[in-house]
C-alpha atoms as a PDB file:
ATOM      1  CA  UNK A   1       0.001  -0.187   0.027  1.00  0.00           C
ATOM      2  CA  UNK A   2       1.125   3.389  -0.946  1.00  0.00           C
ATOM      3  CA  UNK A   3       2.311   5.945   2.223  1.00  0.00           C
ATOM      4  CA  UNK A   4       0.705   9.260   1.618  1.00  0.00           C
ATOM      5  CA  UNK A   5       2.134  12.250   2.113  1.00  0.00           C
ATOM      6  CA  UNK A   6       1.017  15.658   4.022  1.00  0.00           C
ATOM      7  CA  UNK A   7       1.701  18.561   0.830  1.00  0.00           C
ATOM      8  CA  UNK A   8       0.465  21.745   3.291  1.00  0.00           C
ATOM      9  CA  UNK A   9       3.932  23.522   3.847  1.00  0.00           C
ATOM     10  CA  UNK A  10       3.158  24.966   6.775  1.00  0.00           C
ATOM     11  CA  UNK A  11       3.188  21.689   7.995  1.00  0.00           C
ATOM     12  CA  UNK A  12       6.772  20.040   6.385  1.00  0.00           C
ATOM     13  CA  UNK A  13       8.458  22.894   8.105  1.00  0.00           C
ATOM     14  CA  UNK A  14       7.125  22.823  11.435  1.00  0.00           C
ATOM     15  CA  UNK A  15       7.587  18.950  11.428  1.00  0.00           C
ATOM     16  CA  UNK A  16      11.970  19.288  10.410  1.00  0.00           C
ATOM     17  CA  UNK A  17      11.844  22.512  13.087  1.00  0.00           C
ATOM     18  CA  UNK A  18      11.018  20.190  15.522  1.00  0.00           C
ATOM     19  CA  UNK A  19      13.399  16.906  14.612  1.00  0.00           C
ATOM     20  CA  UNK A  20      15.623  19.515  14.259  1.00  0.00           C
ATOM     21  CA  UNK A  21      15.564  21.154  17.438  1.00  0.00           C
ATOM     22  CA  UNK A  22      14.719  17.605  19.578  1.00  0.00           C
ATOM     23  CA  UNK A  23      18.255  16.715  17.843  1.00  0.00           C
ATOM     24  CA  UNK A  24      19.797  20.004  18.937  1.00  0.00           C
ATOM     25  CA  UNK A  25      18.591  19.916  22.053  1.00  0.00           C
ATOM     26  CA  UNK A  26      17.597  16.250  23.106  1.00  0.00           C
ATOM     27  CA  UNK A  27      14.529  17.552  23.743  1.00  0.00           C
ATOM     28  CA  UNK A  28      12.654  13.667  22.867  1.00  0.00           C
ATOM     29  CA  UNK A  29       8.868  15.562  23.170  1.00  0.00           C
ATOM     30  CA  UNK A  30       9.348  17.636  20.507  1.00  0.00           C
ATOM     31  CA  UNK A  31      10.490  14.238  18.179  1.00  0.00           C
ATOM     32  CA  UNK A  32       6.933  12.837  19.405  1.00  0.00           C
ATOM     33  CA  UNK A  33       5.254  16.134  18.637  1.00  0.00           C
ATOM     34  CA  UNK A  34       5.985  15.541  15.511  1.00  0.00           C
ATOM     35  CA  UNK A  35       5.757  11.914  14.838  1.00  0.00           C
ATOM     36  CA  UNK A  36       1.956  13.100  15.985  1.00  0.00           C
ATOM     37  CA  UNK A  37       1.939  15.457  13.233  1.00  0.00           C
ATOM     38  CA  UNK A  38       3.762  13.473   9.994  1.00  0.00           C
ATOM     39  CA  UNK A  39      -0.160  11.119  10.653  1.00  0.00           C
ATOM     40  CA  UNK A  40      -2.627  11.829   7.674  1.00  0.00           C
ATOM     41  CA  UNK A  41      -5.324  14.541   8.744  1.00  0.00           C
ATOM     42  CA  UNK A  42      -7.966  12.250   9.331  1.00  0.00           C
ATOM     43  CA  UNK A  43      -5.503  10.099  11.927  1.00  0.00           C
ATOM     44  CA  UNK A  44      -4.399  13.778  13.497  1.00  0.00           C
ATOM     45  CA  UNK A  45      -5.476  14.873  16.736  1.00  0.00           C
ATOM     46  CA  UNK A  46      -8.319  16.838  17.317  1.00  0.00           C
ATOM     47  CA  UNK A  47      -8.742  18.150  21.526  1.00  0.00           C
ATOM     48  CA  UNK A  48     -11.555  19.236  22.856  1.00  0.00           C
ATOM     49  CA  UNK A  49     -11.050  22.557  25.609  1.00  0.00           C
ATOM     50  CA  UNK A  50     -12.999  20.421  27.811  1.00  0.00           C
ATOM     51  CA  UNK A  51     -10.019  17.606  28.406  1.00  0.00           C
ATOM     52  CA  UNK A  52      -7.672  20.675  28.527  1.00  0.00           C
ATOM     53  CA  UNK A  53      -9.656  21.367  31.407  1.00  0.00           C
ATOM     54  CA  UNK A  54      -9.716  17.898  33.238  1.00  0.00           C
ATOM     55  CA  UNK A  55      -6.239  17.203  32.478  1.00  0.00           C
ATOM     56  CA  UNK A  56      -4.637  20.362  33.240  1.00  0.00           C
ATOM     57  CA  UNK A  57      -3.580  22.040  36.663  1.00  0.00           C
ATOM     58  CA  UNK A  58      -3.587  26.278  37.083  1.00  0.00           C
ATOM     59  CA  UNK A  59      -0.040  27.635  35.098  1.00  0.00           C
ATOM     60  CA  UNK A  60       0.782  24.194  33.113  1.00  0.00           C
ATOM     61  CA  UNK A  61       2.188  24.583  29.737  1.00  0.00           C
ATOM     62  CA  UNK A  62       0.538  22.043  27.557  1.00  0.00           C
ATOM     63  CA  UNK A  63       0.949  21.573  23.388  1.00  0.00           C
ATOM     64  CA  UNK A  64      -2.238  19.668  21.388  1.00  0.00           C
ATOM     65  CA  UNK A  65      -0.257  18.184  17.975  1.00  0.00           C
ATOM     66  CA  UNK A  66      -3.203  18.734  16.250  1.00  0.00           C
ATOM     67  CA  UNK A  67      -6.137  21.047  16.310  1.00  0.00           C
ATOM     68  CA  UNK A  68      -7.293  22.302  19.441  1.00  0.00           C
ATOM     69  CA  UNK A  69     -11.619  22.934  19.460  1.00  0.00           C
ATOM     70  CA  UNK A  70     -13.736  24.945  21.375  1.00  0.00           C
ATOM     71  CA  UNK A  71     -16.550  22.051  22.821  1.00  0.00           C
ATOM     72  CA  UNK A  72     -16.779  22.771  26.769  1.00  0.00           C
ATOM     73  CA  UNK A  73     -15.076  24.960  29.128  1.00  0.00           C
ATOM     74  CA  UNK A  74     -12.014  25.888  30.856  1.00  0.00           C
ATOM     75  CA  UNK A  75     -11.721  27.456  34.362  1.00  0.00           C
ATOM     76  CA  UNK A  76      -8.340  27.547  34.579  1.00  0.00           C
ATOM     77  CA  UNK A  77      -5.225  29.929  33.051  1.00  0.00           C
ATOM     78  CA  UNK A  78      -3.159  27.755  31.070  1.00  0.00           C
ATOM     79  CA  UNK A  79      -0.572  27.628  27.971  1.00  0.00           C
ATOM     80  CA  UNK A  80      -2.244  26.028  24.421  1.00  0.00           C
ATOM     81  CA  UNK A  81      -0.069  25.599  21.968  1.00  0.00           C
ATOM     82  CA  UNK A  82      -1.779  23.702  18.874  1.00  0.00           C
ATOM     83  CA  UNK A  83      -1.012  23.249  14.641  1.00  0.00           C
ATOM     84  CA  UNK A  84      -4.501  24.942  14.782  1.00  0.00           C
ATOM     85  CA  UNK A  85      -7.375  26.157  17.029  1.00  0.00           C
ATOM     86  CA  UNK A  86     -10.801  26.578  16.104  1.00  0.00           C
ATOM     87  CA  UNK A  87     -11.515  30.450  16.359  1.00  0.00           C
ATOM     88  CA  UNK A  88     -14.290  29.372  19.198  1.00  0.00           C
ATOM     89  CA  UNK A  89     -11.210  27.725  21.403  1.00  0.00           C
ATOM     90  CA  UNK A  90      -9.347  30.678  21.165  1.00  0.00           C
ATOM     91  CA  UNK A  91     -12.209  33.329  22.902  1.00  0.00           C
ATOM     92  CA  UNK A  92     -13.085  30.670  25.384  1.00  0.00           C
ATOM     93  CA  UNK A  93      -9.053  30.710  26.182  1.00  0.00           C
ATOM     94  CA  UNK A  94      -9.213  34.449  26.272  1.00  0.00           C
ATOM     95  CA  UNK A  95     -11.946  34.576  28.454  1.00  0.00           C
ATOM     96  CA  UNK A  96     -10.597  32.343  31.305  1.00  0.00           C
ATOM     97  CA  UNK A  97      -7.649  34.341  30.921  1.00  0.00           C
ATOM     98  CA  UNK A  98      -5.339  31.196  29.348  1.00  0.00           C
ATOM     99  CA  UNK A  99      -2.792  31.942  26.318  1.00  0.00           C
ATOM    100  CA  UNK A 100      -2.918  30.381  22.972  1.00  0.00           C
ATOM    101  CA  UNK A 101       0.392  30.267  21.079  1.00  0.00           C
ATOM    102  CA  UNK A 102       1.652  28.114  17.823  1.00  0.00           C
ATOM    103  CA  UNK A 103       3.702  25.713  18.193  1.00  0.00           C
ATOM    104  CA  UNK A 104       6.767  27.291  16.695  1.00  0.00           C
ATOM    105  CA  UNK A 105       6.270  30.143  19.631  1.00  0.00           C
ATOM    106  CA  UNK A 106       6.108  27.675  22.325  1.00  0.00           C
ATOM    107  CA  UNK A 107       9.017  26.228  21.140  1.00  0.00           C
ATOM    108  CA  UNK A 108      11.435  29.398  21.055  1.00  0.00           C
ATOM    109  CA  UNK A 109      10.042  29.959  24.625  1.00  0.00           C
ATOM    110  CA  UNK A 110      10.565  26.833  25.325  1.00  0.00           C
ATOM    111  CA  UNK A 111      13.002  24.805  23.419  1.00  0.00           C
ATOM    112  CA  UNK A 112      14.189  22.538  25.969  1.00  0.00           C
ATOM    113  CA  UNK A 113      10.368  21.140  26.354  1.00  0.00           C
ATOM    114  CA  UNK A 114      10.255  21.435  29.745  1.00  0.00           C
ATOM    115  CA  UNK A 115       6.999  20.676  31.749  1.00  0.00           C
ATOM    116  CA  UNK A 116       5.522  21.023  28.792  1.00  0.00           C
ATOM    117  CA  UNK A 117       2.716  18.439  28.621  1.00  0.00           C
ATOM    118  CA  UNK A 118       1.176  16.579  25.133  1.00  0.00           C
ATOM    119  CA  UNK A 119      -2.686  16.387  25.242  1.00  0.00           C
ATOM    120  CA  UNK A 120      -3.801  13.764  22.877  1.00  0.00           C
END
């Protein structure tokens, strides 16, 4: 069976960046995120805010290797990074005084990936 590859240039560039940073900083978390992002679109992760609310505490840093969706609510401030997010999810994060970052922004802020949780 033929292996399908992504044609999204932004995603390809992000996966290469994550793998490079993982090698240079010996941070395995970025390689794990790159592996999840390199899956096909139907296998890629989409996470609702309710899951983040259940699995995090105040001031946690979370990365979602996929899309962040706005179903549910969040009642504490966290920092969330994902490849994409719905407008509803971003609005709910702002209302909860949480931060939304793209994955490259989080990578610049925390290159070693210390204290970053992956929500799948």
